[in-house]
Protein backbone atom coordinates (compact mmCIF):
# COMPACT_ATOMS: atom_id res chain seq x y z
CA UNK A 1 6.88 5.31 9.13
CA UNK A 2 5.03 2.80 6.97
CA UNK A 3 4.84 2.95 3.21
CA UNK A 4 1.68 3.98 1.38
CA UNK A 5 1.68 0.66 -0.47
CA UNK A 6 3.43 -2.60 0.40
CA UNK A 7 6.53 -3.57 -1.54
CA UNK A 8 6.28 -6.53 -3.87
CA UNK A 9 9.08 -9.14 -3.77
CA UNK A 10 11.05 -7.54 -6.64
CA UNK A 11 10.88 -4.09 -5.04
CA UNK A 12 11.89 -5.52 -1.66
CA UNK A 13 14.90 -7.28 -3.20
CA UNK A 14 16.03 -4.11 -4.99
CA UNK A 15 15.82 -2.01 -1.83
CA UNK A 16 17.66 -4.68 0.17
CA UNK A 17 20.44 -4.91 -2.41
CA UNK A 18 20.90 -1.14 -2.65
CA UNK A 19 21.18 -0.81 1.12
CA UNK A 20 23.47 -3.83 1.42
CA UNK A 21 25.83 -2.62 -1.28
CA UNK A 22 25.97 0.90 0.15
CA UNK A 23 26.91 -0.48 3.58
CA UNK A 24 29.28 -3.28 2.51
CA UNK A 25 30.88 -2.00 -0.72
CA UNK A 26 30.53 1.79 -0.70
CA UNK A 27 33.12 2.24 -3.48
CA UNK A 28 30.76 0.47 -5.90
CA UNK A 29 27.66 2.38 -4.80
CA UNK A 30 25.39 3.71 -6.36
CA UNK A 31 24.68 0.75 -8.64
CA UNK A 32 24.24 0.48 -12.39
CA UNK A 33 21.33 -1.62 -13.64
CA UNK A 34 23.82 -4.42 -14.39
CA UNK A 35 25.29 -4.34 -10.88
CA UNK A 36 21.79 -4.20 -9.41
CA UNK A 37 20.72 -7.21 -11.48
CA UNK A 38 23.81 -9.15 -10.34
CA UNK A 39 23.10 -8.23 -6.72
CA UNK A 40 19.44 -9.22 -6.93
CA UNK A 41 20.23 -12.55 -8.60
CA UNK A 42 23.32 -13.56 -6.62
CA UNK A 43 23.15 -17.04 -5.23
CA UNK A 44 24.56 -16.39 -1.74
CA UNK A 45 23.02 -14.30 1.04
CA UNK A 46 19.62 -14.32 -0.69
CA UNK A 47 16.37 -16.20 -0.14
CA UNK A 48 14.84 -17.07 -2.44
CA UNK A 49 17.42 -17.14 -5.23
CA UNK A 50 15.95 -15.22 -8.15
CA UNK A 51 16.55 -14.64 -11.83
CA UNK A 52 15.15 -11.17 -12.49
CA UNK A 53 15.50 -9.69 -15.96
CA UNK A 54 16.65 -6.14 -16.59
CA UNK A 55 13.13 -5.24 -17.72
CA UNK A 56 11.60 -6.58 -14.49
CA UNK A 57 14.07 -4.52 -12.47
CA UNK A 58 13.46 -1.35 -14.51
CA UNK A 59 9.69 -1.66 -13.97
CA UNK A 60 10.21 -2.13 -10.22
CA UNK A 61 12.64 0.81 -10.09
CA UNK A 62 9.95 3.02 -11.60
CA UNK A 63 7.52 2.00 -8.85
CA UNK A 64 10.19 2.48 -6.15
CA UNK A 65 10.83 6.03 -7.37
CA UNK A 66 7.14 6.72 -6.71
CA UNK A 67 7.64 5.45 -3.13
CA UNK A 68 10.66 7.81 -2.98
CA UNK A 69 12.78 4.84 -1.83
CA UNK A 70 15.03 4.83 -4.92
CA UNK A 71 16.47 7.60 -7.01
CA UNK A 72 18.50 7.84 -10.17
CA UNK A 73 21.95 9.23 -9.45
CA UNK A 74 23.56 11.39 -12.13
CA UNK A 75 27.33 11.78 -12.14
CA UNK A 76 29.28 14.06 -14.43
CA UNK A 77 30.73 12.03 -17.29
CA UNK A 78 28.89 8.83 -16.34
CA UNK A 79 27.82 6.72 -19.31
CA UNK A 80 25.19 4.66 -17.51
CA UNK A 81 22.46 5.56 -15.08
CA UNK A 82 23.01 4.50 -11.50
CA UNK A 83 20.57 3.98 -8.68
CA UNK A 84 20.72 4.84 -5.01
CA UNK A 85 18.28 4.57 -2.13
CA UNK A 86 16.76 7.01 0.34
CA UNK A 87 15.50 4.41 2.81
CA UNK A 88 17.12 6.13 5.81
CA UNK A 89 15.14 9.30 5.23
CA UNK A 90 11.85 7.80 4.05
CA UNK A 91 11.62 5.25 6.88
CA UNK A 92 13.43 7.39 9.47
CA UNK A 93 15.89 4.69 10.53
CA UNK A 94 19.45 4.74 11.87
CA UNK A 95 22.37 2.60 10.67
CA UNK A 96 21.60 -0.51 12.71
CA UNK A 97 17.90 -0.33 11.93
CA UNK A 98 18.73 0.08 8.23
CA UNK A 99 20.97 -3.01 8.28
CA UNK A 100 18.31 -5.12 9.99
CA UNK A 101 15.59 -4.05 7.54
CA UNK A 102 17.92 -4.73 4.59
CA UNK A 103 18.76 -8.19 5.88
CA UNK A 104 15.08 -9.04 6.29
CA UNK A 105 14.37 -7.78 2.76
CA UNK A 106 17.17 -9.96 1.36
CA UNK A 107 16.50 -13.19 3.25
CA UNK A 108 13.03 -13.00 4.74
CA UNK A 109 12.07 -14.12 8.25
CA UNK A 110 14.94 -14.99 10.58
CA UNK A 111 15.60 -15.90 14.17
CA UNK A 112 17.19 -13.25 16.34
CA UNK A 113 20.54 -15.07 16.31
CA UNK A 114 20.59 -15.36 12.52
CA UNK A 115 19.54 -11.75 12.11
CA UNK A 116 22.19 -10.41 14.49
CA UNK A 117 24.97 -12.36 12.79
CA UNK A 118 23.93 -11.47 9.24
CA UNK A 119 23.03 -7.81 9.82
CA UNK A 120 26.31 -7.28 11.69
CA UNK A 121 28.21 -7.43 8.40
CA UNK A 122 26.44 -4.17 7.48
CA UNK A 123 26.30 -2.46 10.90
CA UNK A 124 27.81 -3.66 14.15
CA UNK A 125 25.29 -5.18 16.55
CA UNK A 126 27.19 -6.32 19.63
CA UNK A 127 24.71 -8.64 21.31
CA UNK A 128 21.23 -10.11 21.23
CA UNK A 129 20.03 -7.56 23.81
CA UNK A 130 21.34 -4.82 21.49
CA UNK A 131 19.42 -6.40 18.60
CA UNK A 132 16.31 -6.52 20.80
CA UNK A 133 16.59 -2.75 21.23
CA UNK A 134 16.91 -2.24 17.47
CA UNK A 135 13.91 -4.51 16.85
CA UNK A 136 11.85 -2.67 19.47
CA UNK A 137 12.51 0.62 17.67
CA UNK A 138 11.60 -0.96 14.32
CA UNK A 139 8.40 -2.46 15.78
CA UNK A 140 7.42 0.96 17.13
CA UNK A 141 7.83 2.37 13.60
CA UNK A 142 5.77 -0.48 12.11
CA UNK A 143 8.69 -1.79 10.06
CA UNK A 144 9.04 -5.31 11.49
CA UNK A 145 6.75 -7.85 13.04
CA UNK A 146 7.19 -11.02 15.05
CA UNK A 147 6.35 -14.46 13.73
CA UNK A 148 5.78 -17.69 15.61
CA UNK A 149 8.68 -20.13 15.72
CA UNK A 150 9.16 -22.30 12.64
CA UNK A 151 7.82 -25.83 12.84
CA UNK A 152 10.03 -27.91 15.11
CA UNK A 153 11.78 -24.88 16.60
CA UNK A 154 11.33 -22.71 19.67
CA UNK A 155 13.35 -19.77 18.35
CA UNK A 156 11.46 -16.51 17.87
CA UNK A 157 11.50 -15.09 14.35
CA UNK A 158 11.05 -11.63 12.92
CA UNK A 159 10.21 -10.38 9.43
CA UNK A 160 9.89 -7.01 7.74
CA UNK A 161 6.48 -5.34 7.52
CA UNK A 162 7.13 -3.50 4.24
CA UNK A 163 5.36 -5.98 2.02
CA UNK A 164 4.77 -9.62 1.39
CA UNK A 165 6.67 -11.70 3.96
CA UNK A 166 8.56 -14.71 2.68
């Protein structure tokens, strides 16, 4: 299922971070605005490296709530608001598909080998043929698209189709 409007780069980063943190550090999920800002601006596992302000993130979170991709999570006794995602339901994806989409949102276009290795830290993908099956399902849903090889390379690349490709 495609979105009504494409995600901008800030929205894409937020969604990617929320999914990544849920899958890799579930004890710290959902995320406070401070944790979300740290995740969006971390210097590893991100391309490009960003420096989003809290205000920029709050504005993007408002737009993402309209897409129904993000929700505010209220916990009894919590002193700060926290944010979670509903990407699985909105995009109708399984765990492996979710991990692949998140990785593409966090790092942009990647070769199949890069994508399998990096997405496997969020959901196990045993082989390149297994990744090909995941990508085929995502293509059928309109969530990823193929790109030509990068200059000087023959390796196929894939990117997300949820907004502006990097």
